[in-house]
């Protein structure tokens, strides 16, 4: 990969990581230490699949949906477009229609949510995606869709319509992408999950470059 500029979109994992209500914060516990006279330093990580920057597979919302290990690698890397949607409380179909979104790209939505990622605790009044906007994006055959907070749907939603539209098109959904410092435009993208067997989500280390 040749790149003159790389942006890290990943939230640091630790006790201050913002978590979705009901999830547990990540725990990193040192189990041995050279400073304590042990032969080596070793740590234990305990983390939910939906904590911090992660990707949701269709199985998160569909009983028969693809799991992380059932999706091709093209779903997690390739050409991307970052779209600036700041100043909008919700993203409508007309908002995404007004953008020149190329086909077969990872579509990353930069909103005012990026500021929330740096300000614990969890904020329920985040920018979300209307179902019609999600459906329009699916017509562009994206490799994935991503956003800069924990959900594409409003917090009070019980049926997650935007998420389910993406899942029904077998699209992975990246969430908690820290896009605050990333200008709109075209990039290369990678958000590779752990190869977790029969699992509906995974933490990722997500980057864009150009």
Protein backbone atom coordinates (compact mmCIF):
# COMPACT_ATOMS: atom_id res chain seq x y z
CA UNK A 1 0.00 0.00 0.00
CA UNK A 2 1.40 3.39 -1.01
CA UNK A 3 -0.14 6.24 0.94
CA UNK A 4 0.93 9.77 1.77
CA UNK A 5 -1.77 10.18 4.40
CA UNK A 6 -3.38 7.63 6.74
CA UNK A 7 -6.24 8.32 9.15
CA UNK A 8 -6.95 5.98 12.05
CA UNK A 9 -10.72 5.70 12.55
CA UNK A 10 -10.49 3.44 15.59
CA UNK A 11 -11.54 4.32 19.13
CA UNK A 12 -8.99 3.44 21.83
CA UNK A 13 -10.15 0.58 24.04
CA UNK A 14 -10.00 1.09 27.78
CA UNK A 15 -12.08 2.00 30.83
CA UNK A 16 -13.11 5.34 29.25
CA UNK A 17 -14.40 3.86 25.99
CA UNK A 18 -17.98 4.93 25.27
CA UNK A 19 -20.28 1.91 25.35
CA UNK A 20 -23.84 1.32 24.21
CA UNK A 21 -26.26 1.05 27.16
CA UNK A 22 -26.36 -2.53 28.39
CA UNK A 23 -22.88 -3.45 27.18
CA UNK A 24 -19.89 -3.86 29.47
CA UNK A 25 -16.72 -1.77 29.15
CA UNK A 26 -13.60 -3.52 27.89
CA UNK A 27 -11.27 -4.92 30.53
CA UNK A 28 -7.53 -5.27 29.96
CA UNK A 29 -5.93 -7.11 32.86
CA UNK A 30 -2.23 -7.76 33.25
CA UNK A 31 -1.77 -11.36 34.37
CA UNK A 32 2.02 -11.42 34.54
CA UNK A 33 4.73 -8.77 34.50
CA UNK A 34 8.48 -8.57 34.03
CA UNK A 35 8.48 -5.83 36.68
CA UNK A 36 7.01 -8.34 39.16
CA UNK A 37 9.68 -10.92 38.44
CA UNK A 38 7.66 -13.01 36.00
CA UNK A 39 9.32 -14.52 32.94
CA UNK A 40 7.27 -12.29 30.64
CA UNK A 41 4.55 -9.65 30.52
CA UNK A 42 1.13 -10.89 29.46
CA UNK A 43 -2.38 -9.41 29.49
CA UNK A 44 -5.94 -10.70 29.23
CA UNK A 45 -8.54 -8.84 27.16
CA UNK A 46 -12.28 -9.13 27.79
CA UNK A 47 -14.46 -7.26 25.33
CA UNK A 48 -17.91 -7.55 23.78
CA UNK A 49 -18.20 -7.82 20.03
CA UNK A 50 -20.16 -4.55 19.90
CA UNK A 51 -17.82 -2.33 21.94
CA UNK A 52 -15.88 0.50 20.34
CA UNK A 53 -15.16 0.57 16.62
CA UNK A 54 -16.65 -2.60 15.18
CA UNK A 55 -18.48 -4.13 12.26
CA UNK A 56 -21.92 -5.74 12.40
CA UNK A 57 -22.59 -8.68 10.09
CA UNK A 58 -26.13 -9.28 8.79
CA UNK A 59 -26.57 -12.00 11.46
CA UNK A 60 -26.78 -9.23 14.06
CA UNK A 61 -30.32 -8.52 12.82
CA UNK A 62 -31.31 -11.52 10.68
CA UNK A 63 -31.64 -15.10 11.94
CA UNK A 64 -30.27 -16.51 8.69
CA UNK A 65 -27.92 -13.62 7.98
CA UNK A 66 -24.24 -13.97 7.17
CA UNK A 67 -21.84 -14.10 10.10
CA UNK A 68 -18.44 -12.41 10.19
CA UNK A 69 -16.64 -15.51 8.95
CA UNK A 70 -19.13 -15.89 6.08
CA UNK A 71 -18.44 -12.52 4.45
CA UNK A 72 -15.72 -12.07 1.79
CA UNK A 73 -12.73 -9.88 2.54
CA UNK A 74 -13.92 -7.36 -0.05
CA UNK A 75 -16.59 -6.42 2.47
CA UNK A 76 -13.91 -5.09 4.79
CA UNK A 77 -11.43 -3.29 2.51
CA UNK A 78 -11.27 -1.44 -0.78
CA UNK A 79 -12.12 1.96 -2.28
CA UNK A 80 -14.19 4.25 -0.08
CA UNK A 81 -15.90 7.60 -0.03
CA UNK A 82 -16.27 9.77 3.06
CA UNK A 83 -19.42 11.91 2.83
CA UNK A 84 -19.80 15.01 5.01
CA UNK A 85 -23.26 14.98 6.59
CA UNK A 86 -22.53 17.35 9.47
CA UNK A 87 -25.30 19.69 10.52
CA UNK A 88 -28.05 17.10 10.01
CA UNK A 89 -30.03 15.51 12.83
CA UNK A 90 -31.14 12.73 10.49
CA UNK A 91 -29.90 11.69 7.07
CA UNK A 92 -32.67 11.65 4.47
CA UNK A 93 -32.78 10.03 1.04
CA UNK A 94 -32.45 13.46 -0.57
CA UNK A 95 -29.23 14.06 1.37
CA UNK A 96 -27.49 11.03 -0.09
CA UNK A 97 -29.02 11.52 -3.54
CA UNK A 98 -27.38 14.94 -3.65
CA UNK A 99 -23.94 13.34 -3.26
CA UNK A 100 -21.95 11.86 -6.12
CA UNK A 101 -21.50 8.41 -4.60
CA UNK A 102 -19.64 5.95 -6.83
CA UNK A 103 -20.81 2.36 -7.03
CA UNK A 104 -18.96 -0.51 -5.36
CA UNK A 105 -17.37 1.66 -2.68
CA UNK A 106 -17.40 1.63 1.10
CA UNK A 107 -19.69 4.53 2.02
CA UNK A 108 -18.63 6.27 5.25
CA UNK A 109 -20.97 8.88 6.72
CA UNK A 110 -19.28 11.68 8.64
CA UNK A 111 -21.76 13.45 10.94
CA UNK A 112 -21.80 15.52 14.10
CA UNK A 113 -21.59 12.20 15.94
CA UNK A 114 -17.80 12.23 15.70
CA UNK A 115 -17.70 14.88 18.43
CA UNK A 116 -19.77 12.60 20.67
CA UNK A 117 -17.16 9.85 20.47
CA UNK A 118 -14.75 11.99 22.48
CA UNK A 119 -17.31 12.95 25.12
CA UNK A 120 -18.49 10.11 27.41
CA UNK A 121 -21.02 9.00 28.46
CA UNK A 122 -23.23 7.63 25.70
CA UNK A 123 -25.47 10.25 24.06
CA UNK A 124 -28.93 9.14 22.92
CA UNK A 125 -29.50 12.14 20.63
CA UNK A 126 -27.14 11.19 17.81
CA UNK A 127 -27.52 11.60 14.05
CA UNK A 128 -29.17 8.59 12.41
CA UNK A 129 -30.08 7.34 8.93
CA UNK A 130 -33.67 7.23 7.70
CA UNK A 131 -34.74 3.91 6.12
CA UNK A 132 -35.27 5.53 2.70
CA UNK A 133 -31.69 6.80 2.75
CA UNK A 134 -30.38 3.35 3.66
CA UNK A 135 -32.44 1.82 0.84
CA UNK A 136 -31.06 4.33 -1.66
CA UNK A 137 -27.48 3.60 -0.61
CA UNK A 138 -28.10 -0.11 -1.18
CA UNK A 139 -29.03 0.64 -4.80
CA UNK A 140 -25.45 1.82 -5.32
CA UNK A 141 -24.10 -1.67 -4.51
CA UNK A 142 -21.75 -0.50 -1.77
CA UNK A 143 -19.18 -2.84 -0.24
CA UNK A 144 -20.26 -1.64 3.20
CA UNK A 145 -21.75 1.38 4.94
CA UNK A 146 -20.26 3.05 8.00
CA UNK A 147 -21.17 5.79 10.46
CA UNK A 148 -19.53 7.58 13.37
CA UNK A 149 -21.64 6.37 16.30
CA UNK A 150 -23.18 3.15 17.60
CA UNK A 151 -26.23 2.87 15.36
CA UNK A 152 -27.76 3.82 12.03
CA UNK A 153 -31.17 3.97 13.70
CA UNK A 154 -32.42 6.34 16.40
CA UNK A 155 -31.85 5.18 19.95
CA UNK A 156 -35.56 4.81 20.65
CA UNK A 157 -36.04 2.46 17.67
CA UNK A 158 -37.12 -1.07 18.57
CA UNK A 159 -36.98 -2.62 15.09
CA UNK A 160 -33.80 -1.05 13.61
CA UNK A 161 -35.15 -0.46 10.08
CA UNK A 162 -32.02 1.09 8.56
CA UNK A 163 -29.79 -1.64 9.98
CA UNK A 164 -32.14 -4.33 8.68
CA UNK A 165 -32.20 -2.82 5.19
CA UNK A 166 -28.40 -3.05 5.08
CA UNK A 167 -28.50 -6.59 6.48
CA UNK A 168 -31.07 -7.70 3.91
CA UNK A 169 -28.61 -6.62 1.22
CA UNK A 170 -25.90 -8.69 2.95
CA UNK A 171 -23.92 -5.57 3.78
CA UNK A 172 -21.65 -5.20 6.79
CA UNK A 173 -22.30 -2.09 8.87
CA UNK A 174 -19.33 -0.30 10.42
CA UNK A 175 -20.07 1.76 13.52
CA UNK A 176 -18.13 4.07 15.82
CA UNK A 177 -15.80 5.16 13.02
CA UNK A 178 -13.91 8.23 14.25
CA UNK A 179 -14.24 10.40 11.15
CA UNK A 180 -13.90 13.77 12.88
CA UNK A 181 -10.51 14.65 11.37
CA UNK A 182 -11.13 13.08 7.96
CA UNK A 183 -12.02 15.44 5.08
CA UNK A 184 -14.72 14.32 2.67
CA UNK A 185 -13.45 12.56 -0.42
CA UNK A 186 -12.17 9.32 -1.91
CA UNK A 187 -9.87 6.98 0.01
CA UNK A 188 -8.70 3.46 0.42
CA UNK A 189 -10.35 1.77 3.39
CA UNK A 190 -9.65 -1.19 5.63
CA UNK A 191 -11.63 -2.35 8.65
CA UNK A 192 -10.59 -5.95 9.13
CA UNK A 193 -12.47 -8.01 11.73
CA UNK A 194 -11.13 -10.88 13.77
CA UNK A 195 -11.93 -14.20 12.13
CA UNK A 196 -14.56 -15.12 14.71
CA UNK A 197 -16.50 -18.29 13.94
CA UNK A 198 -20.29 -17.99 13.56
CA UNK A 199 -20.33 -14.58 15.22
CA UNK A 200 -22.49 -11.55 14.37
CA UNK A 201 -19.88 -8.82 14.91
CA UNK A 202 -16.23 -8.11 15.59
CA UNK A 203 -13.99 -5.29 16.77
CA UNK A 204 -11.91 -3.81 13.94
CA UNK A 205 -8.91 -1.55 13.42
CA UNK A 206 -10.27 0.80 10.77
CA UNK A 207 -8.20 3.17 8.63
CA UNK A 208 -8.53 5.23 5.47
CA UNK A 209 -5.66 6.45 3.31
CA UNK A 210 -4.81 8.27 0.11
